Amino acid sequence: MVMGGEGVVSVRALVEEEAVERSFAAHVRPYAVRLGVGTGLLVATACLVQWYIGWGELLVPWKEQQLESLVVAVTLVLASYGARAVRVYDHFRPGTDGHFAACLRLTLFHNVLNNLVPMRLGELSFPALLKRYFGVPLARGVGGLLWFRAMDLHVLLAAAAVALAWGAVPFAVSGALLVGWIAVPRIVFGLRDWLGRSVARWLRGKVRDLAQEALAGMPPNVGTFWRTQLWTVANWGLKLAVFAWLLHTFAGAGLAASLMGALGGEISTVLPVHGLGGAGTYEAGVVTGLAPFGLEVRAALAAAVNLHLFLLGTSIVGGFLGLALKKPRAP
């Protein structure tokens, strides 16, 4: 049986269409599974809170908060987002020169998506928006994000060590260890050329690609490196101070316990398993951070949920503020 030219073209088009559909399905399926898991965590958390505490009782502490205090808390958290935006602006110069408002818009959108979308999928908005706003290649955007996340984790772990060592370890010992830990990123930055050669020589496949992206995302010079560190500390200093104060207010926990609870919640946000809006995983992180200090589980869970509600609320407020900022022209 001989098939005409039109028939061959039709069959080829059909095969290509089926291949596209299979490829699309293969990419969409994992995200659908992640969305299902995230939604399940949200529903399970809501049911647990209702059964164990009751939503009516859980929200009572909000009625006791003074409006002025909440306004100050929201303002300070929004200021921490501003510190993140300065970090982005400085790190990706000169492409961002004169466009701080666009960097702030990008930061606010990335933050709200990262807090609301499950399974870390919101992180994808960062390199995508960098490319759209400033023409930054995706590889460099991903590398910059990986570097920022490494700096965030470095600061969070340093703060956790301080909270755990407070009053339990001699100041000279804890101070020396803290100074050593602070020096780690600078040492890594100084070894970037050697690390680049080692990655190209010893690693293969996706692991090598990921490592090369991370190295490409390092600051371009020492000055930018130190400013990146400064803005990272400023961001987390403001945010953790507010969150620790809120946990102290909600649960009556001490300073070290409140700081560890806030740190537990924030560290949970870097995990690959992340519920819709962070539900379940964020609360687990806060309760885990409070657990070593003997706080009753019911009170810890109630404080964790209220802190999470505050986090989501400020993120959404920031997202609406981002809509009011000027959108840059595509490069």
C-alpha atoms as a PDB file:
ATOM      1  CA  MET A   1       0.000   0.000   0.000  1.00  0.00           C
ATOM      2  CA  VAL A   2       1.474   3.303  -1.097  1.00  0.00           C
ATOM      3  CA  MET A   3       0.729   6.384   0.930  1.00  0.00           C
ATOM      4  CA  GLY A   4       0.586   9.758  -0.787  1.00  0.00           C
ATOM      5  CA  GLY A   5       2.575  12.827   0.248  1.00  0.00           C
ATOM      6  CA  GLU A   6      -0.346  14.318   2.166  1.00  0.00           C
ATOM      7  CA  GLY A   7      -0.787  11.044   4.041  1.00  0.00           C
ATOM      8  CA  VAL A   8       2.860  10.961   5.062  1.00  0.00           C
ATOM      9  CA  VAL A   9       2.643  14.557   6.276  1.00  0.00           C
ATOM     10  CA  SER A  10      -0.546  13.768   8.241  1.00  0.00           C
ATOM     11  CA  VAL A  11       0.991  10.741   9.923  1.00  0.00           C
ATOM     12  CA  ARG A  12       4.162  12.690  10.762  1.00  0.00           C
ATOM     13  CA  ALA A  13       2.108  15.544  12.222  1.00  0.00           C
ATOM     14  CA  LEU A  14       0.074  13.066  14.273  1.00  0.00           C
ATOM     15  CA  VAL A  15       3.214  11.404  15.626  1.00  0.00           C
ATOM     16  CA  GLU A  16       4.750  14.765  16.494  1.00  0.00           C
ATOM     17  CA  GLU A  17       1.525  15.901  18.190  1.00  0.00           C
ATOM     18  CA  GLU A  18       1.394  12.715  20.256  1.00  0.00           C
ATOM     19  CA  ALA A  19       5.064  13.184  21.245  1.00  0.00           C
ATOM     20  CA  VAL A  20       4.346  16.751  22.379  1.00  0.00           C
ATOM     21  CA  GLU A  21       1.340  15.584  24.387  1.00  0.00           C
ATOM     22  CA  ARG A  22       3.407  12.855  26.066  1.00  0.00           C
ATOM     23  CA  SER A  23       6.176  15.325  26.856  1.00  0.00           C
ATOM     24  CA  PHE A  24       3.697  17.830  28.271  1.00  0.00           C
ATOM     25  CA  ALA A  25       2.020  15.161  30.376  1.00  0.00           C
ATOM     26  CA  ALA A  26       5.384  13.975  31.671  1.00  0.00           C
ATOM     27  CA  HIS A  27       6.194  17.497  32.848  1.00  0.00           C
ATOM     28  CA  VAL A  28       2.759  18.311  34.253  1.00  0.00           C
ATOM     29  CA  ARG A  29       2.219  15.056  36.156  1.00  0.00           C
ATOM     30  CA  PRO A  30       4.878  15.678  38.844  1.00  0.00           C
ATOM     31  CA  TYR A  31       3.507  19.178  39.467  1.00  0.00           C
ATOM     32  CA  ALA A  32      -0.028  17.805  39.749  1.00  0.00           C
ATOM     33  CA  VAL A  33       1.178  15.269  42.309  1.00  0.00           C
ATOM     34  CA  ARG A  34       2.961  18.014  44.246  1.00  0.00           C
ATOM     35  CA  LEU A  35      -0.155  20.172  44.204  1.00  0.00           C
ATOM     36  CA  GLY A  36      -2.205  17.233  45.487  1.00  0.00           C
ATOM     37  CA  VAL A  37       0.248  16.572  48.319  1.00  0.00           C
ATOM     38  CA  GLY A  38       0.342  20.268  49.212  1.00  0.00           C
ATOM     39  CA  THR A  39      -3.447  20.511  49.260  1.00  0.00           C
ATOM     40  CA  GLY A  40      -3.629  17.383  51.410  1.00  0.00           C
ATOM     41  CA  LEU A  41      -1.235  18.931  53.942  1.00  0.00           C
ATOM     42  CA  LEU A  42      -3.356  22.087  54.063  1.00  0.00           C
ATOM     43  CA  VAL A  43      -6.591  20.179  54.689  1.00  0.00           C
ATOM     44  CA  ALA A  44      -4.939  17.907  57.268  1.00  0.00           C
ATOM     45  CA  THR A  45      -3.508  20.899  59.144  1.00  0.00           C
ATOM     46  CA  ALA A  46      -6.852  22.709  59.196  1.00  0.00           C
ATOM     47  CA  CYS A  47      -8.604  19.591  60.518  1.00  0.00           C
ATOM     48  CA  LEU A  48      -5.899  18.984  63.142  1.00  0.00           C
ATOM     49  CA  VAL A  49      -6.186  22.545  64.427  1.00  0.00           C
ATOM     50  CA  GLN A  50      -9.968  22.315  64.638  1.00  0.00           C
ATOM     51  CA  TRP A  51      -9.839  18.959  66.463  1.00  0.00           C
ATOM     52  CA  TYR A  52      -6.951  19.723  68.801  1.00  0.00           C
ATOM     53  CA  ILE A  53      -7.526  23.417  69.534  1.00  0.00           C
ATOM     54  CA  GLY A  54     -10.527  24.859  67.691  1.00  0.00           C
ATOM     55  CA  TRP A  55     -10.199  27.773  65.308  1.00  0.00           C
ATOM     56  CA  GLY A  56     -12.293  30.057  67.486  1.00  0.00           C
ATOM     57  CA  GLU A  57     -10.027  29.585  70.478  1.00  0.00           C
ATOM     58  CA  LEU A  58      -6.886  29.743  68.360  1.00  0.00           C
ATOM     59  CA  LEU A  59      -7.698  33.222  66.999  1.00  0.00           C
ATOM     60  CA  VAL A  60      -8.424  34.753  70.430  1.00  0.00           C
ATOM     61  CA  PRO A  61      -4.856  36.163  70.873  1.00  0.00           C
ATOM     62  CA  TRP A  62      -5.374  38.400  67.852  1.00  0.00           C
ATOM     63  CA  LYS A  63      -8.109  40.275  69.721  1.00  0.00           C
ATOM     64  CA  GLU A  64      -5.639  41.067  72.486  1.00  0.00           C
ATOM     65  CA  GLN A  65      -3.022  42.555  70.154  1.00  0.00           C
ATOM     66  CA  GLN A  66      -2.758  46.320  69.953  1.00  0.00           C
ATOM     67  CA  LEU A  67      -3.223  47.674  66.438  1.00  0.00           C
ATOM     68  CA  GLU A  68      -0.144  49.894  66.748  1.00  0.00           C
ATOM     69  CA  SER A  69       2.055  46.895  67.594  1.00  0.00           C
ATOM     70  CA  LEU A  70       0.770  44.920  64.626  1.00  0.00           C
ATOM     71  CA  VAL A  71       1.355  47.865  62.278  1.00  0.00           C
ATOM     72  CA  VAL A  72       4.955  48.134  63.499  1.00  0.00           C
ATOM     73  CA  ALA A  73       5.431  44.364  63.070  1.00  0.00           C
ATOM     74  CA  VAL A  74       4.071  44.396  59.510  1.00  0.00           C
ATOM     75  CA  THR A  75       6.191  47.436  58.649  1.00  0.00           C
ATOM     76  CA  LEU A  76       9.381  45.772  59.910  1.00  0.00           C
ATOM     77  CA  VAL A  77       8.694  42.585  57.949  1.00  0.00           C
ATOM     78  CA  LEU A  78       8.045  44.633  54.803  1.00  0.00           C
ATOM     79  CA  ALA A  79      11.338  46.409  55.493  1.00  0.00           C
ATOM     80  CA  SER A  80      13.028  43.000  55.536  1.00  0.00           C
ATOM     81  CA  TYR A  81      11.620  42.412  52.050  1.00  0.00           C
ATOM     82  CA  GLY A  82      13.154  45.735  51.085  1.00  0.00           C
ATOM     83  CA  ALA A  83      16.544  44.465  52.286  1.00  0.00           C
ATOM     84  CA  ARG A  84      16.089  41.434  50.031  1.00  0.00           C
ATOM     85  CA  ALA A  85      15.324  43.723  47.105  1.00  0.00           C
ATOM     86  CA  VAL A  86      18.537  45.704  47.743  1.00  0.00           C
ATOM     87  CA  ARG A  87      20.421  42.401  47.721  1.00  0.00           C
ATOM     88  CA  VAL A  88      18.969  41.534  44.309  1.00  0.00           C
ATOM     89  CA  TYR A  89      19.639  45.041  42.990  1.00  0.00           C
ATOM     90  CA  ASP A  90      23.271  44.978  44.084  1.00  0.00           C
ATOM     91  CA  HIS A  91      24.017  41.390  43.073  1.00  0.00           C
ATOM     92  CA  PHE A  92      22.792  41.674  39.477  1.00  0.00           C
ATOM     93  CA  ARG A  93      24.251  45.063  38.628  1.00  0.00           C
ATOM     94  CA  PRO A  94      24.823  46.719  36.201  1.00  0.00           C
ATOM     95  CA  GLY A  95      21.688  45.286  34.585  1.00  0.00           C
ATOM     96  CA  THR A  96      19.536  46.482  37.485  1.00  0.00           C
ATOM     97  CA  ASP A  97      21.006  50.001  37.743  1.00  0.00           C
ATOM     98  CA  GLY A  98      18.260  52.589  38.098  1.00  0.00           C
ATOM     99  CA  HIS A  99      15.545  49.936  38.531  1.00  0.00           C
ATOM    100  CA  PHE A 100      15.240  49.387  42.276  1.00  0.00           C
ATOM    101  CA  ALA A 101      11.428  49.565  42.106  1.00  0.00           C
ATOM    102  CA  ALA A 102      11.492  46.658  39.643  1.00  0.00           C
ATOM    103  CA  CYS A 103      13.765  44.690  41.992  1.00  0.00           C
ATOM    104  CA  LEU A 104      11.346  45.341  44.840  1.00  0.00           C
ATOM    105  CA  ARG A 105       8.407  44.260  42.667  1.00  0.00           C
ATOM    106  CA  LEU A 106      10.283  41.069  41.727  1.00  0.00           C
ATOM    107  CA  THR A 107      11.131  40.356  45.378  1.00  0.00           C
ATOM    108  CA  LEU A 108       7.573  40.857  46.599  1.00  0.00           C
ATOM    109  CA  PHE A 109       6.101  38.646  43.857  1.00  0.00           C
ATOM    110  CA  HIS A 110       8.717  35.943  44.407  1.00  0.00           C
ATOM    111  CA  ASN A 111       8.071  36.021  48.147  1.00  0.00           C
ATOM    112  CA  VAL A 112       4.304  35.657  47.939  1.00  0.00           C
ATOM    113  CA  LEU A 113       4.523  32.888  45.330  1.00  0.00           C
ATOM    114  CA  ASN A 114       7.168  31.067  47.351  1.00  0.00           C
ATOM    115  CA  ASN A 115       4.982  31.191  50.461  1.00  0.00           C
ATOM    116  CA  LEU A 116       1.725  30.182  48.768  1.00  0.00           C
ATOM    117  CA  VAL A 117       2.687  27.711  46.022  1.00  0.00           C
ATOM    118  CA  PRO A 118       3.497  24.196  47.295  1.00  0.00           C
ATOM    119  CA  MET A 119       6.653  22.118  46.923  1.00  0.00           C
ATOM    120  CA  ARG A 120       9.057  25.037  46.268  1.00  0.00           C
ATOM    121  CA  LEU A 121       7.515  25.691  42.837  1.00  0.00           C
ATOM    122  CA  GLY A 122       7.282  29.393  43.701  1.00  0.00           C
ATOM    123  CA  GLU A 123      11.076  29.557  43.547  1.00  0.00           C
ATOM    124  CA  LEU A 124      10.848  29.252  39.760  1.00  0.00           C
ATOM    125  CA  SER A 125       9.415  32.762  39.605  1.00  0.00           C
ATOM    126  CA  PHE A 126      12.757  34.301  40.625  1.00  0.00           C
ATOM    127  CA  PRO A 127      14.871  33.422  37.558  1.00  0.00           C
ATOM    128  CA  ALA A 128      11.820  33.824  35.319  1.00  0.00           C
ATOM    129  CA  LEU A 129      11.153  37.389  36.535  1.00  0.00           C
ATOM    130  CA  LEU A 130      14.853  38.270  36.382  1.00  0.00           C
ATOM    131  CA  LYS A 131      14.910  37.255  32.735  1.00  0.00           C
ATOM    132  CA  ARG A 132      11.663  39.088  31.965  1.00  0.00           C
ATOM    133  CA  TYR A 133      12.584  42.328  33.747  1.00  0.00           C
ATOM    134  CA  PHE A 134      16.330  42.578  33.156  1.00  0.00           C
ATOM    135  CA  GLY A 135      17.238  39.988  30.526  1.00  0.00           C
ATOM    136  CA  VAL A 136      19.336  37.976  32.997  1.00  0.00           C
ATOM    137  CA  PRO A 137      20.030  34.489  31.556  1.00  0.00           C
ATOM    138  CA  LEU A 138      18.143  31.741  33.357  1.00  0.00           C
ATOM    139  CA  ALA A 139      21.336  29.925  34.354  1.00  0.00           C
ATOM    140  CA  ARG A 140      22.707  33.031  36.068  1.00  0.00           C
ATOM    141  CA  GLY A 141      19.328  33.690  37.709  1.00  0.00           C
ATOM    142  CA  VAL A 142      19.172  30.148  39.070  1.00  0.00           C
ATOM    143  CA  GLY A 143      22.773  30.411  40.238  1.00  0.00           C
ATOM    144  CA  GLY A 144      22.049  33.695  42.010  1.00  0.00           C
ATOM    145  CA  LEU A 145      19.017  32.175  43.704  1.00  0.00           C
ATOM    146  CA  LEU A 146      21.069  29.175  44.867  1.00  0.00           C
ATOM    147  CA  TRP A 147      23.701  31.537  46.290  1.00  0.00           C
ATOM    148  CA  PHE A 148      21.033  33.594  48.079  1.00  0.00           C
ATOM    149  CA  ARG A 149      19.494  30.460  49.551  1.00  0.00           C
ATOM    150  CA  ALA A 150      22.908  29.261  50.713  1.00  0.00           C
ATOM    151  CA  MET A 151      23.479  32.630  52.421  1.00  0.00           C
ATOM    152  CA  ASP A 152      20.000  32.499  53.983  1.00  0.00           C
ATOM    153  CA  LEU A 153      20.621  29.023  55.381  1.00  0.00           C
ATOM    154  CA  HIS A 154      24.047  30.080  56.640  1.00  0.00           C
ATOM    155  CA  VAL A 155      22.565  32.990  58.609  1.00  0.00           C
ATOM    156  CA  LEU A 156      19.667  30.897  59.941  1.00  0.00           C
ATOM    157  CA  LEU A 157      21.995  28.173  61.194  1.00  0.00           C
ATOM    158  CA  ALA A 158      24.232  30.788  62.837  1.00  0.00           C
ATOM    159  CA  ALA A 159      21.218  32.283  64.621  1.00  0.00           C
ATOM    160  CA  ALA A 160      20.069  28.811  65.695  1.00  0.00           C
ATOM    161  CA  ALA A 161      23.504  28.057  67.142  1.00  0.00           C
ATOM    162  CA  VAL A 162      23.441  31.321  69.101  1.00  0.00           C
ATOM    163  CA  ALA A 163      19.979  30.554  70.486  1.00  0.00           C
ATOM    164  CA  LEU A 164      20.967  27.038  71.553  1.00  0.00           C
ATOM    165  CA  ALA A 165      24.293  28.122  73.068  1.00  0.00           C
ATOM    166  CA  TRP A 166      22.846  31.110  74.921  1.00  0.00           C
ATOM    167  CA  GLY A 167      23.745  30.674  78.587  1.00  0.00           C
ATOM    168  CA  ALA A 168      24.895  27.072  78.070  1.00  0.00           C
ATOM    169  CA  VAL A 169      28.292  27.560  76.395  1.00  0.00           C
ATOM    170  CA  PRO A 170      31.053  29.941  77.552  1.00  0.00           C
ATOM    171  CA  PHE A 171      31.014  33.157  75.555  1.00  0.00           C
ATOM    172  CA  ALA A 172      34.651  32.778  74.424  1.00  0.00           C
ATOM    173  CA  VAL A 173      33.944  29.333  72.955  1.00  0.00           C
ATOM    174  CA  SER A 174      30.661  30.246  71.302  1.00  0.00           C
ATOM    175  CA  GLY A 175      32.142  33.499  69.974  1.00  0.00           C
ATOM    176  CA  ALA A 176      35.115  31.729  68.404  1.00  0.00           C
ATOM    177  CA  LEU A 177      32.850  29.128  66.783  1.00  0.00           C
ATOM    178  CA  LEU A 178      30.540  31.850  65.470  1.00  0.00           C
ATOM    179  CA  VAL A 179      33.439  33.780  63.939  1.00  0.00           C
ATOM    180  CA  GLY A 180      34.654  30.582  62.273  1.00  0.00           C
ATOM    181  CA  TRP A 181      31.219  29.854  60.877  1.00  0.00           C
ATOM    182  CA  ILE A 182      30.853  33.413  59.576  1.00  0.00           C
ATOM    183  CA  ALA A 183      34.145  33.001  57.702  1.00  0.00           C
ATOM    184  CA  VAL A 184      32.944  29.926  55.765  1.00  0.00           C
ATOM    185  CA  PRO A 185      31.213  31.804  52.879  1.00  0.00           C
ATOM    186  CA  ARG A 186      34.243  34.064  52.419  1.00  0.00           C
ATOM    187  CA  ILE A 187      36.506  31.019  52.186  1.00  0.00           C
ATOM    188  CA  VAL A 188      34.191  29.400  49.627  1.00  0.00           C
ATOM    189  CA  PHE A 189      34.087  32.658  47.643  1.00  0.00           C
ATOM    190  CA  GLY A 190      37.876  32.815  47.624  1.00  0.00           C
ATOM    191  CA  LEU A 191      38.064  29.283  46.271  1.00  0.00           C
ATOM    192  CA  ARG A 192      35.545  29.780  43.469  1.00  0.00           C
ATOM    193  CA  ASP A 193      38.096  29.430  40.617  1.00  0.00           C
ATOM    194  CA  TRP A 194      39.466  26.212  42.085  1.00  0.00           C
ATOM    195  CA  LEU A 195      35.927  24.970  42.730  1.00  0.00           C
ATOM    196  CA  GLY A 196      34.992  25.715  39.124  1.00  0.00           C
ATOM    197  CA  ARG A 197      37.882  23.633  37.812  1.00  0.00           C
ATOM    198  CA  SER A 198      37.097  20.815  40.240  1.00  0.00           C
ATOM    199  CA  VAL A 199      33.422  20.751  39.271  1.00  0.00           C
ATOM    200  CA  ALA A 200      34.273  20.561  35.567  1.00  0.00           C
ATOM    201  CA  ARG A 201      36.802  17.814  36.209  1.00  0.00           C
ATOM    202  CA  TRP A 202      35.122  15.543  38.740  1.00  0.00           C
ATOM    203  CA  LEU A 203      31.344  15.924  38.430  1.00  0.00           C
ATOM    204  CA  ARG A 204      29.032  14.746  35.689  1.00  0.00           C
ATOM    205  CA  GLY A 205      25.473  15.210  34.496  1.00  0.00           C
ATOM    206  CA  LYS A 206      22.878  17.179  36.427  1.00  0.00           C
ATOM    207  CA  VAL A 207      25.038  17.380  39.537  1.00  0.00           C
ATOM    208  CA  ARG A 208      27.751  19.178  37.573  1.00  0.00           C
ATOM    209  CA  ASP A 209      25.203  21.492  35.937  1.00  0.00           C
ATOM    210  CA  LEU A 210      23.711  22.410  39.308  1.00  0.00           C
ATOM    211  CA  ALA A 211      27.148  23.044  40.818  1.00  0.00           C
ATOM    212  CA  GLN A 212      28.190  25.204  37.864  1.00  0.00           C
ATOM    213  CA  GLU A 213      24.975  27.240  38.127  1.00  0.00           C
ATOM    214  CA  ALA A 214      25.609  27.789  41.831  1.00  0.00           C
ATOM    215  CA  LEU A 215      29.175  28.945  41.151  1.00  0.00           C
ATOM    216  CA  ALA A 216      27.992  31.222  38.324  1.00  0.00           C
ATOM    217  CA  GLY A 217      25.593  32.834  40.785  1.00  0.00           C
ATOM    218  CA  MET A 218      28.346  33.938  43.165  1.00  0.00           C
ATOM    219  CA  PRO A 219      28.896  37.685  43.580  1.00  0.00           C
ATOM    220  CA  PRO A 220      31.151  39.120  40.857  1.00  0.00           C
ATOM    221  CA  ASN A 221      33.603  40.745  43.286  1.00  0.00           C
ATOM    222  CA  VAL A 222      34.552  40.994  46.958  1.00  0.00           C
ATOM    223  CA  GLY A 223      32.652  44.242  47.521  1.00  0.00           C
ATOM    224  CA  THR A 224      29.410  42.744  46.245  1.00  0.00           C
ATOM    225  CA  PHE A 225      30.072  39.660  48.354  1.00  0.00           C
ATOM    226  CA  TRP A 226      30.266  41.639  51.600  1.00  0.00           C
ATOM    227  CA  ARG A 227      27.240  43.764  50.737  1.00  0.00           C
ATOM    228  CA  THR A 228      25.290  40.595  49.957  1.00  0.00           C
ATOM    229  CA  GLN A 229      26.201  39.305  53.409  1.00  0.00           C
ATOM    230  CA  LEU A 230      25.156  42.591  55.001  1.00  0.00           C
ATOM    231  CA  TRP A 231      21.729  42.652  53.358  1.00  0.00           C
ATOM    232  CA  THR A 232      21.165  38.975  54.169  1.00  0.00           C
ATOM    233  CA  VAL A 233      21.828  39.648  57.863  1.00  0.00           C
ATOM    234  CA  ALA A 234      19.626  42.765  57.777  1.00  0.00           C
ATOM    235  CA  ASN A 235      16.778  40.826  56.170  1.00  0.00           C
ATOM    236  CA  TRP A 236      16.833  37.984  58.678  1.00  0.00           C
ATOM    237  CA  GLY A 237      17.589  40.202  61.650  1.00  0.00           C
ATOM    238  CA  LEU A 238      14.404  42.193  61.089  1.00  0.00           C
ATOM    239  CA  LYS A 239      12.233  39.213  60.245  1.00  0.00           C
ATOM    240  CA  LEU A 240      13.386  36.952  63.077  1.00  0.00           C
ATOM    241  CA  ALA A 241      13.087  39.762  65.634  1.00  0.00           C
ATOM    242  CA  VAL A 242       9.438  40.291  64.687  1.00  0.00           C
ATOM    243  CA  PHE A 243       8.622  36.571  64.546  1.00  0.00           C
ATOM    244  CA  ALA A 244      10.316  35.867  67.888  1.00  0.00           C
ATOM    245  CA  TRP A 245       8.341  38.719  69.450  1.00  0.00           C
ATOM    246  CA  LEU A 246       5.095  37.328  68.044  1.00  0.00           C
ATOM    247  CA  LEU A 247       5.835  33.835  69.386  1.00  0.00           C
ATOM    248  CA  HIS A 248       6.631  35.352  72.785  1.00  0.00           C
ATOM    249  CA  THR A 249       3.312  37.188  72.662  1.00  0.00           C
ATOM    250  CA  PHE A 250       1.265  34.211  71.467  1.00  0.00           C
ATOM    251  CA  ALA A 251       2.853  31.471  73.607  1.00  0.00           C
ATOM    252  CA  GLY A 252       4.610  33.296  76.431  1.00  0.00           C
ATOM    253  CA  ALA A 253       7.878  31.596  75.434  1.00  0.00           C
ATOM    254  CA  GLY A 254      11.268  32.971  76.455  1.00  0.00           C
ATOM    255  CA  LEU A 255      13.637  34.803  74.123  1.00  0.00           C
ATOM    256  CA  ALA A 256      15.758  31.772  73.160  1.00  0.00           C
ATOM    257  CA  ALA A 257      12.683  29.551  72.725  1.00  0.00           C
ATOM    258  CA  SER A 258      10.878  32.164  70.618  1.00  0.00           C
ATOM    259  CA  LEU A 259      13.933  32.625  68.407  1.00  0.00           C
ATOM    260  CA  MET A 260      14.314  28.858  67.922  1.00  0.00           C
ATOM    261  CA  GLY A 261      10.627  28.521  67.080  1.00  0.00           C
ATOM    262  CA  ALA A 262      10.870  31.276  64.475  1.00  0.00           C
ATOM    263  CA  LEU A 263      14.018  29.666  63.064  1.00  0.00           C
ATOM    264  CA  GLY A 264      12.352  26.257  62.903  1.00  0.00           C
ATOM    265  CA  GLY A 265       9.522  27.666  60.836  1.00  0.00           C
ATOM    266  CA  GLU A 266      11.831  29.485  58.435  1.00  0.00           C
ATOM    267  CA  ILE A 267      14.210  26.558  57.998  1.00  0.00           C
ATOM    268  CA  SER A 268      11.206  24.376  57.121  1.00  0.00           C
ATOM    269  CA  THR A 269      10.591  26.590  54.089  1.00  0.00           C
ATOM    270  CA  VAL A 270      13.728  25.295  52.371  1.00  0.00           C
ATOM    271  CA  LEU A 271      12.533  21.679  52.479  1.00  0.00           C
ATOM    272  CA  PRO A 272      11.361  20.089  49.202  1.00  0.00           C
ATOM    273  CA  VAL A 273       8.161  18.866  50.916  1.00  0.00           C
ATOM    274  CA  HIS A 274       6.165  22.034  51.367  1.00  0.00           C
ATOM    275  CA  GLY A 275       2.408  22.258  51.779  1.00  0.00           C
ATOM    276  CA  LEU A 276       0.027  24.614  49.996  1.00  0.00           C
ATOM    277  CA  GLY A 277       0.821  27.935  51.632  1.00  0.00           C
ATOM    278  CA  GLY A 278       3.392  26.036  53.722  1.00  0.00           C
ATOM    279  CA  ALA A 279       0.570  24.527  55.778  1.00  0.00           C
ATOM    280  CA  GLY A 280       1.681  21.695  58.026  1.00  0.00           C
ATOM    281  CA  THR A 281       5.402  21.908  57.311  1.00  0.00           C
ATOM    282  CA  TYR A 282       5.764  25.440  58.701  1.00  0.00           C
ATOM    283  CA  GLU A 283       3.857  24.562  61.875  1.00  0.00           C
ATOM    284  CA  ALA A 284       5.963  21.427  62.300  1.00  0.00           C
ATOM    285  CA  GLY A 285       9.119  23.513  62.034  1.00  0.00           C
ATOM    286  CA  VAL A 286       7.968  26.022  64.652  1.00  0.00           C
ATOM    287  CA  VAL A 287       6.817  23.314  67.091  1.00  0.00           C
ATOM    288  CA  THR A 288      10.111  21.447  66.608  1.00  0.00           C
ATOM    289  CA  GLY A 289      12.042  24.616  67.404  1.00  0.00           C
ATOM    290  CA  LEU A 290      10.009  25.207  70.578  1.00  0.00           C
ATOM    291  CA  ALA A 291      10.083  21.560  71.740  1.00  0.00           C
ATOM    292  CA  PRO A 292      13.508  21.588  73.517  1.00  0.00           C
ATOM    293  CA  PHE A 293      12.314  24.387  75.790  1.00  0.00           C
ATOM    294  CA  GLY A 294       9.456  22.414  77.332  1.00  0.00           C
ATOM    295  CA  LEU A 295       6.559  24.414  75.904  1.00  0.00           C
ATOM    296  CA  GLU A 296       3.271  22.498  75.974  1.00  0.00           C
ATOM    297  CA  VAL A 297       2.470  21.077  72.524  1.00  0.00           C
ATOM    298  CA  ARG A 298      -1.026  22.564  72.331  1.00  0.00           C
ATOM    299  CA  ALA A 299       0.248  26.068  73.086  1.00  0.00           C
ATOM    300  CA  ALA A 300       3.170  25.616  70.686  1.00  0.00           C
ATOM    301  CA  LEU A 301       0.884  24.516  67.844  1.00  0.00           C
ATOM    302  CA  ALA A 302      -1.510  27.414  68.431  1.00  0.00           C
ATOM    303  CA  ALA A 303       1.373  29.908  68.393  1.00  0.00           C
ATOM    304  CA  ALA A 304       2.804  28.284  65.248  1.00  0.00           C
ATOM    305  CA  VAL A 305      -0.474  28.582  63.341  1.00  0.00           C
ATOM    306  CA  ASN A 306      -0.936  32.217  64.375  1.00  0.00           C
ATOM    307  CA  LEU A 307       2.621  33.048  63.338  1.00  0.00           C
ATOM    308  CA  HIS A 308       2.016  31.334  60.007  1.00  0.00           C
ATOM    309  CA  LEU A 309      -1.156  33.367  59.472  1.00  0.00           C
ATOM    310  CA  PHE A 310       0.851  36.537  60.098  1.00  0.00           C
ATOM    311  CA  LEU A 311       3.520  35.397  57.609  1.00  0.00           C
ATOM    312  CA  LEU A 312       0.961  34.678  54.899  1.00  0.00           C
ATOM    313  CA  GLY A 313      -0.846  37.954  55.596  1.00  0.00           C
ATOM    314  CA  THR A 314       2.288  40.068  55.250  1.00  0.00           C
ATOM    315  CA  SER A 315       3.285  38.155  52.117  1.00  0.00           C
ATOM    316  CA  ILE A 316      -0.069  38.891  50.495  1.00  0.00           C
ATOM    317  CA  VAL A 317       0.126  42.561  51.529  1.00  0.00           C
ATOM    318  CA  GLY A 318       3.576  42.676  49.944  1.00  0.00           C
ATOM    319  CA  GLY A 319       2.204  41.091  46.773  1.00  0.00           C
ATOM    320  CA  PHE A 320      -0.460  43.797  46.445  1.00  0.00           C
ATOM    321  CA  LEU A 321       2.167  46.480  47.046  1.00  0.00           C
ATOM    322  CA  GLY A 322       4.206  44.899  44.258  1.00  0.00           C
ATOM    323  CA  LEU A 323       1.291  45.374  41.852  1.00  0.00           C
ATOM    324  CA  ALA A 324       1.433  49.118  42.534  1.00  0.00           C
ATOM    325  CA  LEU A 325       5.112  49.349  41.578  1.00  0.00           C
ATOM    326  CA  LYS A 326       6.171  50.241  38.072  1.00  0.00           C
ATOM    327  CA  LYS A 327       6.736  47.283  35.802  1.00  0.00           C
ATOM    328  CA  PRO A 328      10.008  47.654  33.856  1.00  0.00           C
ATOM    329  CA  ARG A 329      10.144  47.462  30.107  1.00  0.00           C
ATOM    330  CA  ALA A 330      11.400  44.182  28.744  1.00  0.00           C
ATOM    331  CA  PRO A 331      15.097  44.509  27.786  1.00  0.00           C
END
